[in-house]
Protein backbone atom coordinates (compact mmCIF):
# COMPACT_ATOMS: atom_id res chain seq x y z
CA UNK A 1 -15.82 -228.29 -56.22
CA UNK A 2 -18.30 -226.04 -54.07
CA UNK A 3 -20.80 -228.86 -55.84
CA UNK A 4 -19.63 -232.39 -54.51
CA UNK A 5 -19.19 -230.33 -50.58
CA UNK A 6 -22.51 -229.80 -50.36
CA UNK A 7 -23.28 -233.41 -52.01
CA UNK A 8 -20.47 -235.21 -50.04
CA UNK A 9 -20.23 -233.57 -46.10
CA UNK A 10 -17.99 -235.90 -44.34
CA UNK A 11 -15.09 -233.74 -42.64
CA UNK A 12 -12.63 -235.62 -44.80
CA UNK A 13 -13.74 -235.05 -48.06
CA UNK A 14 -14.42 -230.70 -47.66
CA UNK A 15 -10.59 -230.65 -46.07
CA UNK A 16 -9.06 -232.82 -49.70
CA UNK A 17 -11.66 -230.89 -52.01
CA UNK A 18 -10.47 -227.13 -50.49
CA UNK A 19 -7.26 -228.53 -50.87
CA UNK A 20 -7.96 -229.25 -54.32
CA UNK A 21 -9.74 -226.23 -55.11
CA UNK A 22 -6.93 -223.93 -53.19
CA UNK A 23 -4.44 -226.01 -55.82
CA UNK A 24 -6.92 -225.02 -58.75
CA UNK A 25 -7.67 -221.39 -57.83
CA UNK A 26 -3.21 -220.61 -57.25
CA UNK A 27 -2.42 -222.06 -60.81
CA UNK A 28 -4.99 -220.06 -62.37
CA UNK A 29 -4.11 -216.77 -60.31
CA UNK A 30 -0.13 -217.81 -61.55
CA UNK A 31 -1.87 -218.55 -65.36
CA UNK A 32 -3.17 -215.31 -65.82
CA UNK A 33 -0.44 -213.36 -64.01
CA UNK A 34 2.78 -215.05 -66.30
CA UNK A 35 -0.60 -215.15 -69.16
CA UNK A 36 -0.33 -210.70 -68.52
CA UNK A 37 3.19 -210.76 -67.49
CA UNK A 38 5.08 -213.06 -70.28
CA UNK A 39 7.04 -210.08 -71.50
CA UNK A 40 7.80 -206.91 -70.16
CA UNK A 41 6.71 -204.14 -70.71
CA UNK A 42 3.61 -205.93 -71.74
CA UNK A 43 3.08 -204.15 -74.94
CA UNK A 44 6.87 -206.01 -76.17
CA UNK A 45 3.36 -208.90 -76.07
CA UNK A 46 1.68 -207.76 -78.40
CA UNK A 47 3.67 -205.07 -81.20
CA UNK A 48 7.47 -205.34 -81.18
CA UNK A 49 7.50 -203.32 -83.94
CA UNK A 50 7.61 -200.24 -81.58
CA UNK A 51 10.67 -199.57 -81.22
CA UNK A 52 10.69 -200.28 -77.52
CA UNK A 53 14.45 -201.27 -77.32
CA UNK A 54 15.10 -203.63 -74.17
CA UNK A 55 12.03 -205.41 -74.59
CA UNK A 56 11.40 -209.50 -73.31
CA UNK A 57 9.60 -211.72 -73.14
CA UNK A 58 9.74 -215.01 -71.34
CA UNK A 59 10.10 -218.60 -72.63
CA UNK A 60 6.33 -218.81 -74.18
CA UNK A 61 6.91 -222.24 -75.76
CA UNK A 62 8.00 -223.86 -72.68
CA UNK A 63 5.07 -221.96 -70.79
CA UNK A 64 2.29 -223.42 -73.35
CA UNK A 65 3.74 -226.55 -72.78
CA UNK A 66 3.67 -226.62 -69.05
CA UNK A 67 1.26 -225.02 -68.34
CA UNK A 68 -1.25 -228.06 -68.40
CA UNK A 69 0.33 -230.67 -66.00
CA UNK A 70 -0.03 -229.57 -63.01
CA UNK A 71 -4.03 -228.96 -65.16
CA UNK A 72 -4.95 -232.04 -65.70
CA UNK A 73 -3.45 -233.49 -62.35
CA UNK A 74 -6.42 -231.83 -60.44
CA UNK A 75 -9.06 -232.31 -62.54
CA UNK A 76 -7.89 -236.32 -62.35
CA UNK A 77 -7.99 -234.83 -58.55
CA UNK A 78 -11.34 -233.20 -58.97
CA UNK A 79 -13.10 -236.58 -61.42
CA UNK A 80 -11.85 -239.20 -58.27
CA UNK A 81 -12.14 -237.63 -55.42
CA UNK A 82 -16.12 -238.17 -54.80
CA UNK A 83 -15.76 -242.30 -56.10
CA UNK A 84 -14.87 -243.63 -52.45
CA UNK A 85 -18.28 -241.63 -50.86
CA UNK A 86 -19.53 -242.92 -54.18
CA UNK A 87 -18.94 -246.96 -53.55
CA UNK A 88 -19.91 -246.32 -49.96
CA UNK A 89 -23.74 -245.26 -50.26
CA UNK A 90 -26.70 -247.34 -49.73
CA UNK A 91 -27.94 -248.33 -52.39
CA UNK A 92 -27.57 -251.06 -55.40
CA UNK A 93 -24.47 -251.87 -57.42
CA UNK A 94 -26.54 -249.85 -60.58
CA UNK A 95 -27.14 -246.76 -58.89
CA UNK A 96 -23.17 -246.89 -57.54
CA UNK A 97 -21.95 -247.80 -61.53
CA UNK A 98 -24.57 -244.72 -62.77
CA UNK A 99 -22.99 -242.57 -60.63
CA UNK A 100 -19.64 -242.58 -60.85
CA UNK A 101 -20.34 -243.53 -65.25
CA UNK A 102 -22.18 -239.61 -64.34
CA UNK A 103 -18.24 -238.33 -62.43
CA UNK A 104 -16.38 -240.06 -64.72
CA UNK A 105 -17.39 -238.28 -68.14
CA UNK A 106 -15.46 -235.22 -66.74
CA UNK A 107 -12.63 -237.41 -67.92
CA UNK A 108 -13.86 -237.08 -71.95
CA UNK A 109 -12.13 -232.96 -70.84
CA UNK A 110 -9.25 -233.84 -69.34
CA UNK A 111 -8.43 -236.31 -72.22
CA UNK A 112 -9.78 -233.20 -74.57
CA UNK A 113 -6.60 -231.71 -72.22
CA UNK A 114 -3.93 -234.27 -72.71
CA UNK A 115 -4.77 -233.90 -75.79
CA UNK A 116 -4.03 -230.30 -76.26
CA UNK A 117 -0.90 -230.09 -74.07
CA UNK A 118 0.35 -232.55 -76.07
CA UNK A 119 -0.09 -230.51 -79.39
CA UNK A 120 1.88 -227.83 -77.80
CA UNK A 121 5.06 -230.35 -77.35
CA UNK A 122 4.95 -231.77 -81.34
CA UNK A 123 4.25 -228.61 -83.21
CA UNK A 124 6.35 -224.74 -82.53
CA UNK A 125 2.81 -222.90 -81.43
CA UNK A 126 4.87 -219.57 -80.88
CA UNK A 127 5.81 -220.06 -84.37
CA UNK A 128 3.37 -219.52 -86.82
CA UNK A 129 0.22 -219.03 -84.51
CA UNK A 130 -2.39 -218.51 -87.49
CA UNK A 131 -1.73 -222.19 -88.27
CA UNK A 132 -1.16 -223.74 -85.25
CA UNK A 133 -3.99 -222.58 -82.90
CA UNK A 134 -6.95 -224.21 -84.55
CA UNK A 135 -5.81 -227.63 -83.77
CA UNK A 136 -4.73 -225.33 -80.08
CA UNK A 137 -8.38 -223.77 -80.69
CA UNK A 138 -10.65 -226.93 -80.36
CA UNK A 139 -9.11 -229.39 -78.63
CA UNK A 140 -9.63 -225.81 -76.86
CA UNK A 141 -13.48 -225.29 -76.81
CA UNK A 142 -13.86 -228.96 -76.74
CA UNK A 143 -12.26 -229.34 -73.53
CA UNK A 144 -14.81 -226.27 -72.24
CA UNK A 145 -17.82 -228.49 -74.44
CA UNK A 146 -16.89 -231.44 -72.00
CA UNK A 147 -16.24 -230.41 -69.05
CA UNK A 148 -19.42 -228.47 -69.08
CA UNK A 149 -21.68 -231.83 -70.47
CA UNK A 150 -20.75 -233.64 -67.30
CA UNK A 151 -21.50 -230.28 -64.76
CA UNK A 152 -24.12 -230.62 -65.81
CA UNK A 153 -25.33 -234.83 -66.05
CA UNK A 154 -26.03 -235.62 -62.26
CA UNK A 155 -28.96 -232.29 -62.74
CA UNK A 156 -30.61 -235.04 -65.02
CA UNK A 157 -30.00 -238.12 -63.16
CA UNK A 158 -33.56 -238.34 -62.90
CA UNK A 159 -34.52 -238.49 -66.73
CA UNK A 160 -31.60 -241.17 -67.11
CA UNK A 161 -33.73 -243.10 -64.69
CA UNK A 162 -36.38 -242.82 -66.44
CA UNK A 163 -35.20 -244.15 -69.62
CA UNK A 164 -32.94 -246.87 -68.13
CA UNK A 165 -34.05 -250.38 -67.39
CA UNK A 166 -35.06 -250.25 -63.75
CA UNK A 167 -34.06 -253.97 -62.99
CA UNK A 168 -30.47 -252.07 -63.61
CA UNK A 169 -31.40 -250.16 -60.17
CA UNK A 170 -32.99 -252.84 -57.75
CA UNK A 171 -31.52 -253.97 -55.30
CA UNK A 172 -31.33 -257.80 -56.58
CA UNK A 173 -29.27 -256.68 -59.53
CA UNK A 174 -25.93 -257.02 -57.67
CA UNK A 175 -26.12 -259.70 -58.35
CA UNK A 176 -27.11 -261.58 -54.82
CA UNK A 177 -30.37 -263.98 -54.68
CA UNK A 178 -33.00 -262.46 -52.51
CA UNK A 179 -33.52 -265.96 -50.40
CA UNK A 180 -29.04 -265.79 -49.98
């Protein structure tokens, strides 16, 4: 988000970006606190055999299932937020398409997040975590890896332009002849 604010410096964009950033931060803090205090007393989370009387946990299965939709929503907002500004740039259609593609590559992480979420709805992750956590772990790691790769793509723009055909980036590539 900070990267977006540096690139797109209009007031409307900054306000929207800071609102989405505040939602992401608030959701992250809420999830962190819920994960810490999912059971009371806290050590009841991992040690239910110590004879703690009156220990209890909230519905962990529901927590795991419903923590992802707000994440997915903010991912989609962050992916689509810069697109109107990209399409207002005074450059060729090829540049606009390439920039849109780079920004939307972050959508691969969102797809992995959706697949991870559906895994929680298909299986009871809390019944046998050693069995169900393998698929969930794969999707979780894949999601993070794809998002990191997508975040690293904008600085590689010069490399992309160097290896793609130059006519893709020419002003005449938009389908309008120079004589018109």
